[in-house]
């Protein structure tokens, strides 16, 4: 494995005297024995310094694990400070909670349990500092969803950007690191070219990326769907008949990286309504040709619409799936319930207009 820093330098850094917290030493040993990745000790010290010198009062951590870096962040926050930390692993959460209680900093810590994207979508807190240290395959989306929550002048810090030296190595990484190496390289290309951040990479630990936010909250390059979700009620007021269901499907699409399917639903719905109108005119006027072709196009688009709907619903829990299936998918042409599906199609078509308006704006 290629070296990030020479072994001699690393040994020297680790030999420097420092005050040791018994709990942190115990957590480091536990992580080592149980192969749980936690923040490198030297990187954690730098993180503490950055939190303290930036005078951060609200910190967001994405990826808690056993709570090692969470406790180190909390230890340097002011008394009224809070660190919000997100963890989805049901194995890690009890360990983290126990460590928080033992640390004496539990009042400064807010543990958000569950999928990070869902939590980020529904967070209405602005942060002075964000620390990203989660699954590497999710780094891009987590950056996209978390950066809009960072205040201007705030720090965005992310770990593992040198990925054990593989991101900078000219050699092929081992098979088990091949995909993650590509993902981190792609993330680095984005992170270090963002116009909203001034960034640097510190070759400490596994490579610590640091960026200072240059833009105000609300000026970030948020996707149209993200913007719609964050401002759903204001944007859609009085424009949708099945607003609650559209909102649920939009949330599912954003959580599951199925934004393209949601946009496709909007496009297909608008196209279906246009085809339906053209077919209706053709039925009233025998001189209009191409009626059969339009019928075929409509049937294909309906099937495509339903397939995208099923794709998004495949990521939902069973109760939500049953709700949508019973309301929209288990119907026939003679059923009064067909009106439900038509209303949903009309709402998606209207949402296409909303997205067009946002894009133009």
Protein backbone atom coordinates (compact mmCIF):
# COMPACT_ATOMS: atom_id res chain seq x y z
CA UNK A 1 0.00 0.00 0.00
CA UNK A 2 1.47 3.41 -0.90
CA UNK A 3 2.36 5.76 1.96
CA UNK A 4 0.61 9.11 2.47
CA UNK A 5 3.32 10.22 4.87
CA UNK A 6 6.53 8.39 5.68
CA UNK A 7 6.34 5.88 8.56
CA UNK A 8 9.01 7.85 10.39
CA UNK A 9 6.94 11.03 10.24
CA UNK A 10 3.81 9.24 11.39
CA UNK A 11 5.66 7.63 14.29
CA UNK A 12 7.05 11.02 15.29
CA UNK A 13 3.59 12.64 15.20
CA UNK A 14 2.15 9.87 17.33
CA UNK A 15 5.01 10.10 19.81
CA UNK A 16 4.40 13.74 20.64
CA UNK A 17 3.06 14.07 24.20
CA UNK A 18 -0.53 15.08 24.68
CA UNK A 19 -3.19 14.81 27.34
CA UNK A 20 -5.18 11.61 26.90
CA UNK A 21 -8.85 11.22 27.75
CA UNK A 22 -9.43 7.71 29.22
CA UNK A 23 -12.75 7.32 27.40
CA UNK A 24 -11.25 8.33 24.06
CA UNK A 25 -8.35 5.91 24.55
CA UNK A 26 -10.84 3.17 25.35
CA UNK A 27 -12.87 4.00 22.23
CA UNK A 28 -9.73 3.99 20.06
CA UNK A 29 -8.83 0.54 21.40
CA UNK A 30 -12.38 -0.75 20.89
CA UNK A 31 -12.44 0.53 17.33
CA UNK A 32 -9.08 -1.07 16.59
CA UNK A 33 -10.08 -4.45 18.03
CA UNK A 34 -13.45 -4.50 16.28
CA UNK A 35 -12.32 -3.06 12.94
CA UNK A 36 -14.56 -0.01 13.24
CA UNK A 37 -13.26 2.94 11.22
CA UNK A 38 -12.99 6.12 13.29
CA UNK A 39 -11.25 9.42 12.67
CA UNK A 40 -7.45 9.32 12.89
CA UNK A 41 -6.24 10.70 16.23
CA UNK A 42 -4.20 13.51 14.66
CA UNK A 43 -7.06 14.45 12.33
CA UNK A 44 -9.40 14.48 15.33
CA UNK A 45 -7.09 16.91 17.14
CA UNK A 46 -7.10 19.21 14.11
CA UNK A 47 -10.91 18.93 13.93
CA UNK A 48 -11.14 20.02 17.57
CA UNK A 49 -8.93 23.02 16.85
CA UNK A 50 -11.02 24.02 13.83
CA UNK A 51 -14.27 23.74 15.78
CA UNK A 52 -12.86 25.78 18.67
CA UNK A 53 -11.13 28.51 16.64
CA UNK A 54 -14.10 28.96 14.32
CA UNK A 55 -16.25 29.57 17.42
CA UNK A 56 -18.83 27.18 16.01
CA UNK A 57 -22.03 26.80 18.00
CA UNK A 58 -23.93 24.45 15.69
CA UNK A 59 -22.11 21.53 14.08
CA UNK A 60 -23.43 18.81 11.79
CA UNK A 61 -21.66 15.46 11.69
CA UNK A 62 -22.67 12.93 9.02
CA UNK A 63 -21.59 9.50 10.19
CA UNK A 64 -21.48 8.84 13.94
CA UNK A 65 -20.19 5.26 14.25
CA UNK A 66 -19.36 4.79 17.96
CA UNK A 67 -19.35 8.56 18.58
CA UNK A 68 -15.59 9.13 18.77
CA UNK A 69 -15.39 12.31 16.70
CA UNK A 70 -18.79 13.45 18.01
CA UNK A 71 -17.44 13.53 21.57
CA UNK A 72 -14.29 15.33 20.48
CA UNK A 73 -16.40 17.97 18.72
CA UNK A 74 -18.74 18.34 21.70
CA UNK A 75 -15.81 18.73 24.09
CA UNK A 76 -14.76 22.04 22.51
CA UNK A 77 -18.22 23.50 21.86
CA UNK A 78 -19.48 26.28 24.15
CA UNK A 79 -22.03 25.33 26.81
CA UNK A 80 -24.93 26.32 24.54
CA UNK A 81 -23.41 24.58 21.51
CA UNK A 82 -24.93 21.56 19.77
CA UNK A 83 -23.54 18.89 17.50
CA UNK A 84 -26.16 17.10 15.40
CA UNK A 85 -24.86 13.71 14.34
CA UNK A 86 -26.51 11.27 11.91
CA UNK A 87 -26.16 7.49 12.05
CA UNK A 88 -28.20 4.75 10.38
CA UNK A 89 -26.46 1.63 11.71
CA UNK A 90 -28.57 -0.06 14.38
CA UNK A 91 -25.38 -1.76 15.62
CA UNK A 92 -23.51 1.52 16.14
CA UNK A 93 -26.31 3.62 17.66
CA UNK A 94 -26.45 1.89 21.11
CA UNK A 95 -22.65 2.06 21.41
CA UNK A 96 -22.64 5.74 20.51
CA UNK A 97 -25.42 6.54 22.98
CA UNK A 98 -23.55 4.76 25.78
CA UNK A 99 -20.34 6.64 24.96
CA UNK A 100 -22.20 9.97 24.86
CA UNK A 101 -23.60 9.37 28.32
CA UNK A 102 -20.20 8.36 29.69
CA UNK A 103 -18.49 11.38 28.16
CA UNK A 104 -20.59 13.90 30.07
CA UNK A 105 -21.34 15.81 26.86
CA UNK A 106 -24.69 14.20 26.02
CA UNK A 107 -26.57 17.51 26.51
CA UNK A 108 -24.57 18.99 23.65
CA UNK A 109 -25.27 16.06 21.31
CA UNK A 110 -28.37 15.46 19.17
CA UNK A 111 -28.30 11.97 17.65
CA UNK A 112 -30.43 11.65 14.50
CA UNK A 113 -31.13 8.00 13.79
CA UNK A 114 -31.79 6.86 10.24
CA UNK A 115 -30.91 7.52 6.62
CA UNK A 116 -28.75 10.63 6.26
CA UNK A 117 -30.42 11.91 3.09
CA UNK A 118 -33.87 11.82 4.71
CA UNK A 119 -32.55 13.59 7.80
CA UNK A 120 -30.82 16.25 5.71
CA UNK A 121 -33.97 16.82 3.67
CA UNK A 122 -35.93 17.56 6.80
CA UNK A 123 -33.33 19.51 8.79
CA UNK A 124 -34.21 23.17 9.27
CA UNK A 125 -31.04 24.11 11.16
CA UNK A 126 -28.21 26.25 9.80
CA UNK A 127 -24.70 25.15 10.77
CA UNK A 128 -21.39 26.83 11.49
CA UNK A 129 -19.43 23.68 10.61
CA UNK A 130 -20.19 20.41 8.84
CA UNK A 131 -18.09 17.26 9.16
CA UNK A 132 -18.64 14.50 6.60
CA UNK A 133 -17.33 11.02 7.42
CA UNK A 134 -19.86 8.48 6.13
CA UNK A 135 -20.05 5.76 3.45
CA UNK A 136 -17.79 6.84 0.60
CA UNK A 137 -20.27 5.87 -2.12
CA UNK A 138 -22.67 8.46 -0.67
CA UNK A 139 -20.20 11.36 -0.41
CA UNK A 140 -21.41 13.18 -3.53
CA UNK A 141 -25.09 13.14 -2.58
CA UNK A 142 -24.38 13.92 1.06
CA UNK A 143 -22.34 16.96 0.02
CA UNK A 144 -25.15 18.08 -2.29
CA UNK A 145 -27.80 17.79 0.42
CA UNK A 146 -25.75 19.16 3.32
CA UNK A 147 -23.88 22.12 1.81
CA UNK A 148 -27.04 24.29 1.60
CA UNK A 149 -27.30 24.01 5.40
CA UNK A 150 -23.89 25.62 5.98
CA UNK A 151 -23.70 29.34 6.80
CA UNK A 152 -21.53 31.73 4.85
CA UNK A 153 -18.06 31.65 6.43
CA UNK A 154 -18.73 28.20 7.86
CA UNK A 155 -16.32 25.29 7.49
CA UNK A 156 -17.01 22.11 5.53
CA UNK A 157 -14.65 19.29 6.57
CA UNK A 158 -14.53 15.81 5.11
CA UNK A 159 -12.29 12.83 5.84
CA UNK A 160 -10.66 10.07 3.77
CA UNK A 161 -9.90 12.14 0.68
CA UNK A 162 -6.52 10.45 0.22
CA UNK A 163 -8.14 7.05 0.89
CA UNK A 164 -5.06 5.30 2.25
CA UNK A 165 -3.01 6.83 -0.55
CA UNK A 166 -4.95 5.16 -3.36
CA UNK A 167 -6.52 8.33 -4.78
CA UNK A 168 -3.06 9.72 -5.62
CA UNK A 169 -1.38 6.43 -6.53
CA UNK A 170 -0.59 5.58 -10.17
CA UNK A 171 -0.88 1.89 -9.33
CA UNK A 172 -4.12 -0.06 -9.47
CA UNK A 173 -5.69 -0.26 -6.00
CA UNK A 174 -6.61 -3.68 -4.56
CA UNK A 175 -9.95 -4.99 -5.85
CA UNK A 176 -11.83 -4.22 -2.64
CA UNK A 177 -10.73 -0.56 -2.85
CA UNK A 178 -11.14 -0.12 -6.62
CA UNK A 179 -14.69 1.24 -6.66
CA UNK A 180 -14.32 3.42 -3.56
CA UNK A 181 -11.09 4.90 -4.95
CA UNK A 182 -12.92 5.97 -8.12
CA UNK A 183 -15.73 7.44 -6.02
CA UNK A 184 -13.37 9.46 -3.83
CA UNK A 185 -11.48 10.73 -6.89
CA UNK A 186 -14.77 11.87 -8.44
CA UNK A 187 -15.77 13.52 -5.16
CA UNK A 188 -12.42 15.34 -4.95
CA UNK A 189 -12.84 16.68 -8.48
CA UNK A 190 -16.17 18.19 -7.46
CA UNK A 191 -15.25 19.31 -3.94
CA UNK A 192 -12.10 21.19 -4.96
CA UNK A 193 -13.83 22.94 -7.86
CA UNK A 194 -16.97 24.17 -6.12
CA UNK A 195 -17.48 27.90 -6.59
CA UNK A 196 -19.24 28.07 -3.21
CA UNK A 197 -16.19 26.79 -1.28
CA UNK A 198 -12.53 27.78 -0.97
CA UNK A 199 -10.89 24.43 -0.30
CA UNK A 200 -7.66 22.77 0.71
CA UNK A 201 -6.54 19.21 1.38
CA UNK A 202 -4.47 18.56 4.52
CA UNK A 203 -2.33 15.38 4.26
CA UNK A 204 -3.01 14.30 7.82
CA UNK A 205 -4.54 10.99 8.83
CA UNK A 206 -6.35 9.70 5.74
CA UNK A 207 -6.52 13.12 4.09
CA UNK A 208 -8.71 15.89 5.49
CA UNK A 209 -10.53 18.20 3.08
CA UNK A 210 -11.38 21.66 4.42
CA UNK A 211 -13.50 24.30 2.73
CA UNK A 212 -14.81 27.69 3.81
CA UNK A 213 -18.27 28.64 2.56
CA UNK A 214 -18.31 31.67 0.27
CA UNK A 215 -22.04 31.89 -0.41
CA UNK A 216 -25.04 32.66 1.74
CA UNK A 217 -27.61 30.02 2.63
CA UNK A 218 -30.14 30.10 -0.19
CA UNK A 219 -27.54 30.93 -2.83
CA UNK A 220 -26.39 27.33 -3.25
CA UNK A 221 -26.79 25.47 -6.50
CA UNK A 222 -29.66 23.33 -5.22
CA UNK A 223 -31.39 20.99 -7.68
CA UNK A 224 -34.89 21.92 -8.80
CA UNK A 225 -36.35 18.91 -7.01
CA UNK A 226 -34.51 19.74 -3.79
CA UNK A 227 -35.74 23.31 -3.97
CA UNK A 228 -39.30 22.08 -4.55
CA UNK A 229 -39.09 19.75 -1.58
CA UNK A 230 -37.73 22.42 0.76
CA UNK A 231 -40.39 24.92 -0.35
CA UNK A 232 -43.14 22.49 -1.30
CA UNK A 233 -46.13 24.13 0.36
CA UNK A 234 -45.32 27.61 -0.91
CA UNK A 235 -44.58 26.46 -4.46
CA UNK A 236 -47.52 24.10 -4.92
CA UNK A 237 -50.22 25.95 -2.94
CA UNK A 238 -53.54 25.46 -4.72
CA UNK A 239 -51.90 23.86 -7.77
CA UNK A 240 -52.08 20.14 -6.90
CA UNK A 241 -55.04 17.93 -6.03
CA UNK A 242 -52.97 15.06 -4.65
CA UNK A 243 -50.29 17.23 -3.01
CA UNK A 244 -49.65 14.85 -0.10
CA UNK A 245 -48.95 11.93 -2.43
CA UNK A 246 -46.74 13.97 -4.78
CA UNK A 247 -44.77 15.12 -1.73
CA UNK A 248 -44.30 11.51 -0.55
CA UNK A 249 -43.11 10.39 -3.99
CA UNK A 250 -40.74 13.36 -4.26
CA UNK A 251 -39.25 12.52 -0.86
CA UNK A 252 -38.80 8.88 -1.88
CA UNK A 253 -37.12 9.88 -5.14
CA UNK A 254 -34.68 12.23 -3.41
CA UNK A 255 -33.85 9.71 -0.69
CA UNK A 256 -33.29 6.86 -3.14
CA UNK A 257 -31.34 8.72 -5.84
CA UNK A 258 -34.28 8.31 -8.24
CA UNK A 259 -34.63 11.96 -9.21
CA UNK A 260 -34.48 11.02 -12.91
CA UNK A 261 -37.49 8.75 -12.46
CA UNK A 262 -39.45 11.54 -10.79
CA UNK A 263 -38.58 14.00 -13.56
CA UNK A 264 -39.58 11.32 -16.08
CA UNK A 265 -42.98 11.02 -14.36
CA UNK A 266 -43.46 14.77 -14.77
CA UNK A 267 -42.41 14.73 -18.44
CA UNK A 268 -44.52 11.67 -19.29
CA UNK A 269 -47.57 13.09 -17.53
CA UNK A 270 -47.32 16.34 -19.50
CA UNK A 271 -46.86 14.38 -22.72
CA UNK A 272 -49.81 12.10 -21.92
CA UNK A 273 -52.12 15.06 -21.40
CA UNK A 274 -50.97 16.60 -24.69
CA UNK A 275 -51.54 13.31 -26.53
CA UNK A 276 -54.93 12.87 -24.90
CA UNK A 277 -55.99 16.32 -26.07
CA UNK A 278 -54.78 15.62 -29.61
CA UNK A 279 -56.57 12.27 -29.69
CA UNK A 280 -59.80 13.87 -28.50
CA UNK A 281 -59.59 16.42 -31.35
CA UNK A 282 -58.84 13.64 -33.84
CA UNK A 283 -61.91 11.70 -32.72
CA UNK A 284 -64.05 14.76 -33.39
CA UNK A 285 -62.46 15.52 -36.74
CA UNK A 286 -62.10 12.62 -39.20
CA UNK A 287 -59.80 14.71 -41.40
CA UNK A 288 -57.01 14.58 -38.80
CA UNK A 289 -54.58 11.74 -39.62
CA UNK A 290 -52.14 9.89 -37.38
CA UNK A 291 -54.80 8.96 -34.84
CA UNK A 292 -53.56 5.35 -34.53
CA UNK A 293 -49.95 6.42 -34.02
CA UNK A 294 -50.98 8.82 -31.26
CA UNK A 295 -52.89 6.01 -29.55
CA UNK A 296 -49.80 3.80 -29.66
CA UNK A 297 -47.65 6.62 -28.26
CA UNK A 298 -50.14 7.21 -25.47
CA UNK A 299 -50.21 3.54 -24.47
CA UNK A 300 -46.40 3.37 -24.45
CA UNK A 301 -46.16 6.53 -22.36
CA UNK A 302 -48.75 5.25 -19.87
CA UNK A 303 -46.73 2.04 -19.43
CA UNK A 304 -43.52 4.06 -18.99
CA UNK A 305 -45.22 6.33 -16.44
CA UNK A 306 -46.45 3.36 -14.42
CA UNK A 307 -43.04 1.69 -14.55
CA UNK A 308 -41.30 4.79 -13.17
CA UNK A 309 -43.96 5.03 -10.46
CA UNK A 310 -43.34 1.41 -9.49
CA UNK A 311 -39.56 2.02 -9.50
CA UNK A 312 -39.89 4.82 -6.96
CA UNK A 313 -42.38 2.85 -4.85
CA UNK A 314 -39.98 -0.11 -4.73
CA UNK A 315 -37.91 1.97 -2.27
CA UNK A 316 -40.89 2.64 0.03
CA UNK A 317 -41.89 0.65 3.08
CA UNK A 318 -44.75 -1.83 2.79
CA UNK A 319 -47.47 0.45 4.14
CA UNK A 320 -46.68 3.20 1.64
CA UNK A 321 -46.49 0.70 -1.22
CA UNK A 322 -49.91 -0.73 -0.34
CA UNK A 323 -51.42 2.74 -0.07
CA UNK A 324 -50.28 3.76 -3.57
CA UNK A 325 -51.07 0.39 -5.13
CA UNK A 326 -54.60 0.37 -3.73
CA UNK A 327 -55.24 3.98 -4.67
CA UNK A 328 -53.61 4.24 -8.08
CA UNK A 329 -52.49 0.92 -9.54
CA UNK A 330 -55.25 -1.64 -8.89
CA UNK A 331 -57.86 -0.14 -11.15
CA UNK A 332 -59.64 -0.72 -14.45
CA UNK A 333 -60.98 1.68 -17.06
CA UNK A 334 -64.56 1.35 -15.83
CA UNK A 335 -63.74 2.05 -12.20
CA UNK A 336 -64.59 5.36 -10.58
CA UNK A 337 -61.20 5.05 -8.88
CA UNK A 338 -59.55 5.69 -12.27
CA UNK A 339 -60.17 9.32 -11.44
CA UNK A 340 -57.51 9.05 -8.71
CA UNK A 341 -54.85 8.08 -11.25
CA UNK A 342 -55.94 10.84 -13.62
CA UNK A 343 -55.62 13.39 -10.83
CA UNK A 344 -52.12 12.11 -10.06
CA UNK A 345 -51.16 12.39 -13.74
CA UNK A 346 -52.52 15.94 -13.87
CA UNK A 347 -50.52 16.82 -10.75
CA UNK A 348 -47.30 15.48 -12.27
CA UNK A 349 -47.99 17.47 -15.43
CA UNK A 350 -48.46 20.59 -13.30
CA UNK A 351 -45.22 19.77 -11.48
CA UNK A 352 -43.46 19.75 -14.86
CA UNK A 353 -44.63 23.35 -15.35
CA UNK A 354 -43.37 24.22 -11.85
CA UNK A 355 -39.94 22.74 -12.61
CA UNK A 356 -39.80 24.67 -15.89
CA UNK A 357 -40.61 27.90 -14.07
CA UNK A 358 -37.89 27.25 -11.48
CA UNK A 359 -35.35 26.45 -14.20
CA UNK A 360 -36.13 29.71 -16.03
CA UNK A 361 -35.91 31.67 -12.78
